[in-house]
């Protein structure tokens, strides 16, 4: 019997509200990133993903939604302690 993960169990409660003039919701960059994550998972189900978005674009929201969209049982998010220097 397959165990249902926390993220899979709550998948049906995930909404994609689109930000508008009078309503709060996801911005276009966030929607695009979420769809890109889902598309990547269809190609590499057990692969890794790297999310690169500009400052202030809503990375935290995207990363919080990703495990639900992918219905994963485990999630590991790695961030650098110090910013990368180019």
Protein backbone atom coordinates (compact mmCIF):
# COMPACT_ATOMS: atom_id res chain seq x y z
CA UNK A 1 0.00 0.00 0.00
CA UNK A 2 1.43 3.38 -1.02
CA UNK A 3 1.61 5.93 1.76
CA UNK A 4 0.12 9.30 0.87
CA UNK A 5 2.43 12.17 1.70
CA UNK A 6 1.42 15.40 3.38
CA UNK A 7 1.93 17.29 0.12
CA UNK A 8 -0.10 14.81 -1.95
CA UNK A 9 -2.94 14.83 0.54
CA UNK A 10 -3.27 18.62 0.32
CA UNK A 11 -2.76 18.93 -3.44
CA UNK A 12 -6.46 19.62 -4.10
CA UNK A 13 -6.33 22.69 -1.86
CA UNK A 14 -3.62 24.44 -3.92
CA UNK A 15 -4.97 27.40 -5.88
CA UNK A 16 -3.38 29.54 -8.58
CA UNK A 17 -4.98 32.94 -8.05
CA UNK A 18 -3.66 35.45 -10.58
CA UNK A 19 -2.71 38.88 -9.28
CA UNK A 20 -4.90 41.67 -10.56
CA UNK A 21 -5.51 45.34 -9.92
CA UNK A 22 -7.85 44.65 -7.02
CA UNK A 23 -6.89 41.10 -6.03
CA UNK A 24 -3.79 39.54 -4.56
CA UNK A 25 -2.41 36.48 -6.24
CA UNK A 26 0.52 35.04 -8.12
CA UNK A 27 2.47 37.22 -10.52
CA UNK A 28 3.35 36.09 -14.04
CA UNK A 29 6.95 35.21 -13.09
CA UNK A 30 5.70 33.02 -10.24
CA UNK A 31 3.15 31.24 -12.44
CA UNK A 32 5.80 30.65 -15.09
CA UNK A 33 8.24 29.24 -12.56
CA UNK A 34 5.64 26.90 -11.05
CA UNK A 35 4.70 25.58 -14.49
CA UNK A 36 8.38 25.18 -15.40
CA UNK A 37 8.98 23.14 -12.23
CA UNK A 38 6.02 20.90 -13.06
CA UNK A 39 7.17 20.51 -16.67
CA UNK A 40 10.69 19.60 -15.55
CA UNK A 41 9.28 16.95 -13.23
CA UNK A 42 7.45 15.26 -16.12
CA UNK A 43 10.79 14.86 -17.91
CA UNK A 44 12.90 13.90 -14.88
CA UNK A 45 10.63 12.57 -12.16
CA UNK A 46 13.46 12.00 -9.69
CA UNK A 47 15.70 14.75 -10.97
CA UNK A 48 16.79 17.97 -9.35
CA UNK A 49 15.53 21.43 -10.16
CA UNK A 50 17.24 24.78 -9.82
CA UNK A 51 15.09 27.84 -9.36
CA UNK A 52 16.69 31.13 -10.39
CA UNK A 53 14.56 34.25 -10.09
CA UNK A 54 15.42 37.91 -9.52
CA UNK A 55 15.28 39.55 -6.12
CA UNK A 56 11.72 40.38 -5.14
CA UNK A 57 10.08 38.18 -7.76
CA UNK A 58 8.51 35.74 -5.30
CA UNK A 59 10.92 32.82 -4.99
CA UNK A 60 9.66 31.95 -1.51
CA UNK A 61 6.09 31.54 -2.74
CA UNK A 62 7.22 29.36 -5.64
CA UNK A 63 9.36 27.18 -3.38
CA UNK A 64 6.52 26.82 -0.89
CA UNK A 65 4.13 25.66 -3.63
CA UNK A 66 6.52 23.29 -5.41
CA UNK A 67 6.21 20.24 -3.11
CA UNK A 68 2.41 20.39 -3.35
CA UNK A 69 2.40 20.73 -7.13
CA UNK A 70 4.86 17.85 -7.49
CA UNK A 71 3.14 15.79 -4.77
CA UNK A 72 6.47 14.93 -3.18
CA UNK A 73 6.99 13.12 0.10
CA UNK A 74 10.33 14.77 0.89
CA UNK A 75 11.74 18.17 0.03
CA UNK A 76 15.24 19.57 0.44
CA UNK A 77 15.82 23.25 -0.20
CA UNK A 78 19.43 24.41 -0.23
CA UNK A 79 20.40 28.08 -0.16
CA UNK A 80 23.90 29.55 0.02
CA UNK A 81 24.93 31.17 3.29
CA UNK A 82 26.68 33.97 1.45
CA UNK A 83 25.75 35.42 -1.95
CA UNK A 84 27.68 34.15 -4.94
CA UNK A 85 30.17 36.60 -6.40
CA UNK A 86 30.49 36.86 -10.14
